[in-house]
Amino acid sequence: MIKIIDNQLYNSSGRLIKTLNCPKNITKNDLIAYRQADSQFRCLECEKIIHDTDRMTEVEIVELFERDPGACASIHPLNPIFDIQKA
């Protein structure tokens, strides 16, 4: 399970893997399908690829941010992979 505390993602061993911060405050409506087979969308504001974590495993999410720390992702709060906590 990936913990989210104050917009920071931690892997199952408690190591920080990503700080979530979108300066454009993008919503799902601001994304267009890019390659749905790869669970990716494109942001209409900055043109970056947005990875849809609803279609990814926990391992894939952790590997994505280890491989590309600047990657963007869409995270749904009801996805059971995530444990959202308040600090």
C-alpha atoms as a PDB file:
ATOM      1  CA  MET A   1       0.000   0.000   0.000  1.00  0.00           C
ATOM      2  CA  ILE A   2       1.215   3.513  -0.810  1.00  0.00           C
ATOM      3  CA  LYS A   3       0.644   6.081   1.903  1.00  0.00           C
ATOM      4  CA  ILE A   4      -0.199   9.674   1.025  1.00  0.00           C
ATOM      5  CA  ILE A   5       0.454  12.222   3.765  1.00  0.00           C
ATOM      6  CA  ASP A   6       0.259  15.938   2.916  1.00  0.00           C
ATOM      7  CA  ASN A   7       0.685  15.321  -0.834  1.00  0.00           C
ATOM      8  CA  GLN A   8       3.700  13.066  -0.299  1.00  0.00           C
ATOM      9  CA  LEU A   9       3.705   9.436  -1.464  1.00  0.00           C
ATOM     10  CA  TYR A  10       5.533   6.829   0.613  1.00  0.00           C
ATOM     11  CA  ASN A  11       6.195   3.228  -0.406  1.00  0.00           C
ATOM     12  CA  SER A  12       5.289   0.293   1.844  1.00  0.00           C
ATOM     13  CA  SER A  13       8.599   0.591   3.726  1.00  0.00           C
ATOM     14  CA  GLY A  14       7.973   4.280   4.490  1.00  0.00           C
ATOM     15  CA  ARG A  15      10.429   5.786   1.977  1.00  0.00           C
ATOM     16  CA  LEU A  16       9.320   9.004   0.243  1.00  0.00           C
ATOM     17  CA  ILE A  17       8.826   8.314  -3.452  1.00  0.00           C
ATOM     18  CA  LYS A  18       7.097  11.466  -4.709  1.00  0.00           C
ATOM     19  CA  THR A  19       5.760  14.845  -3.643  1.00  0.00           C
ATOM     20  CA  LEU A  20       2.568  15.647  -5.518  1.00  0.00           C
ATOM     21  CA  ASN A  21       2.488  19.228  -6.711  1.00  0.00           C
ATOM     22  CA  CYS A  22       0.772  20.563  -9.797  1.00  0.00           C
ATOM     23  CA  PRO A  23       1.358  24.297 -10.200  1.00  0.00           C
ATOM     24  CA  LYS A  24      -1.512  24.427 -12.709  1.00  0.00           C
ATOM     25  CA  ASN A  25      -4.077  22.786 -10.358  1.00  0.00           C
ATOM     26  CA  ILE A  26      -5.172  20.406 -13.113  1.00  0.00           C
ATOM     27  CA  THR A  27      -8.309  18.272 -12.815  1.00  0.00           C
ATOM     28  CA  LYS A  28      -9.264  15.099 -14.694  1.00  0.00           C
ATOM     29  CA  ASN A  29     -11.284  17.306 -17.100  1.00  0.00           C
ATOM     30  CA  ASP A  30      -8.048  19.009 -18.188  1.00  0.00           C
ATOM     31  CA  LEU A  31      -6.600  15.746 -19.503  1.00  0.00           C
ATOM     32  CA  ILE A  32      -6.994  14.182 -22.912  1.00  0.00           C
ATOM     33  CA  ALA A  33      -6.407  10.532 -23.787  1.00  0.00           C
ATOM     34  CA  TYR A  34      -2.886   9.997 -25.040  1.00  0.00           C
ATOM     35  CA  ARG A  35      -2.309   6.255 -25.020  1.00  0.00           C
ATOM     36  CA  GLN A  36      -5.060   4.630 -23.002  1.00  0.00           C
ATOM     37  CA  ALA A  37      -3.561   1.186 -23.479  1.00  0.00           C
ATOM     38  CA  ASP A  38      -0.576   2.465 -21.481  1.00  0.00           C
ATOM     39  CA  SER A  39      -2.756   4.253 -18.888  1.00  0.00           C
ATOM     40  CA  GLN A  40      -1.523   7.652 -19.991  1.00  0.00           C
ATOM     41  CA  PHE A  41      -3.149  10.998 -20.617  1.00  0.00           C
ATOM     42  CA  ARG A  42      -1.777  14.357 -21.748  1.00  0.00           C
ATOM     43  CA  CYS A  43      -2.284  17.586 -19.833  1.00  0.00           C
ATOM     44  CA  LEU A  44      -3.911  20.342 -21.900  1.00  0.00           C
ATOM     45  CA  GLU A  45      -2.003  23.002 -19.929  1.00  0.00           C
ATOM     46  CA  CYS A  46       1.606  21.799 -19.906  1.00  0.00           C
ATOM     47  CA  GLU A  47       1.527  18.957 -22.481  1.00  0.00           C
ATOM     48  CA  LYS A  48       3.146  16.501 -20.009  1.00  0.00           C
ATOM     49  CA  ILE A  49       2.126  12.855 -19.911  1.00  0.00           C
ATOM     50  CA  ILE A  50      -0.111  12.063 -16.927  1.00  0.00           C
ATOM     51  CA  HIS A  51      -0.045   8.445 -15.742  1.00  0.00           C
ATOM     52  CA  ASP A  52      -3.416   7.106 -14.599  1.00  0.00           C
ATOM     53  CA  THR A  53      -2.694   5.212 -11.378  1.00  0.00           C
ATOM     54  CA  ASP A  54      -6.167   3.630 -11.444  1.00  0.00           C
ATOM     55  CA  ARG A  55      -4.778   1.337 -14.142  1.00  0.00           C
ATOM     56  CA  MET A  56      -1.438   0.654 -12.463  1.00  0.00           C
ATOM     57  CA  THR A  57      -0.258  -1.695  -9.749  1.00  0.00           C
ATOM     58  CA  GLU A  58       1.539  -0.510  -6.635  1.00  0.00           C
ATOM     59  CA  VAL A  59       4.814  -1.872  -8.022  1.00  0.00           C
ATOM     60  CA  GLU A  60       4.315  -0.031 -11.322  1.00  0.00           C
ATOM     61  CA  ILE A  61       3.637   3.241  -9.500  1.00  0.00           C
ATOM     62  CA  VAL A  62       6.749   2.962  -7.334  1.00  0.00           C
ATOM     63  CA  GLU A  63       8.885   1.968 -10.338  1.00  0.00           C
ATOM     64  CA  LEU A  64       7.538   4.909 -12.357  1.00  0.00           C
ATOM     65  CA  PHE A  65       8.635   7.469  -9.777  1.00  0.00           C
ATOM     66  CA  GLU A  66      11.974   5.747  -9.177  1.00  0.00           C
ATOM     67  CA  ARG A  67      12.648   5.787 -12.926  1.00  0.00           C
ATOM     68  CA  ASP A  68      11.261   9.298 -13.492  1.00  0.00           C
ATOM     69  CA  PRO A  69      10.960  11.408 -10.307  1.00  0.00           C
ATOM     70  CA  GLY A  70       9.423  14.257 -12.334  1.00  0.00           C
ATOM     71  CA  ALA A  71       6.604  12.109 -13.724  1.00  0.00           C
ATOM     72  CA  CYS A  72       3.036  13.299 -13.283  1.00  0.00           C
ATOM     73  CA  ALA A  73       0.204  11.075 -12.118  1.00  0.00           C
ATOM     74  CA  SER A  74      -3.524  11.138 -11.636  1.00  0.00           C
ATOM     75  CA  ILE A  75      -4.479   9.711  -8.237  1.00  0.00           C
ATOM     76  CA  HIS A  76      -8.035   8.843  -7.305  1.00  0.00           C
ATOM     77  CA  PRO A  77      -8.594   9.011  -3.521  1.00  0.00           C
ATOM     78  CA  LEU A  78     -10.805   5.873  -3.535  1.00  0.00           C
ATOM     79  CA  ASN A  79      -8.164   3.684  -5.187  1.00  0.00           C
ATOM     80  CA  PRO A  80      -7.417   0.950  -2.588  1.00  0.00           C
ATOM     81  CA  ILE A  81      -3.698   1.081  -3.431  1.00  0.00           C
ATOM     82  CA  PHE A  82      -3.529   4.398  -1.573  1.00  0.00           C
ATOM     83  CA  ASP A  83      -3.859   5.032   2.136  1.00  0.00           C
ATOM     84  CA  ILE A  84      -4.547   8.760   2.477  1.00  0.00           C
ATOM     85  CA  GLN A  85      -3.698  10.083   5.925  1.00  0.00           C
ATOM     86  CA  LYS A  86      -3.763  13.491   7.552  1.00  0.00           C
ATOM     87  CA  ALA A  87      -0.564  14.711   9.196  1.00  0.00           C
END
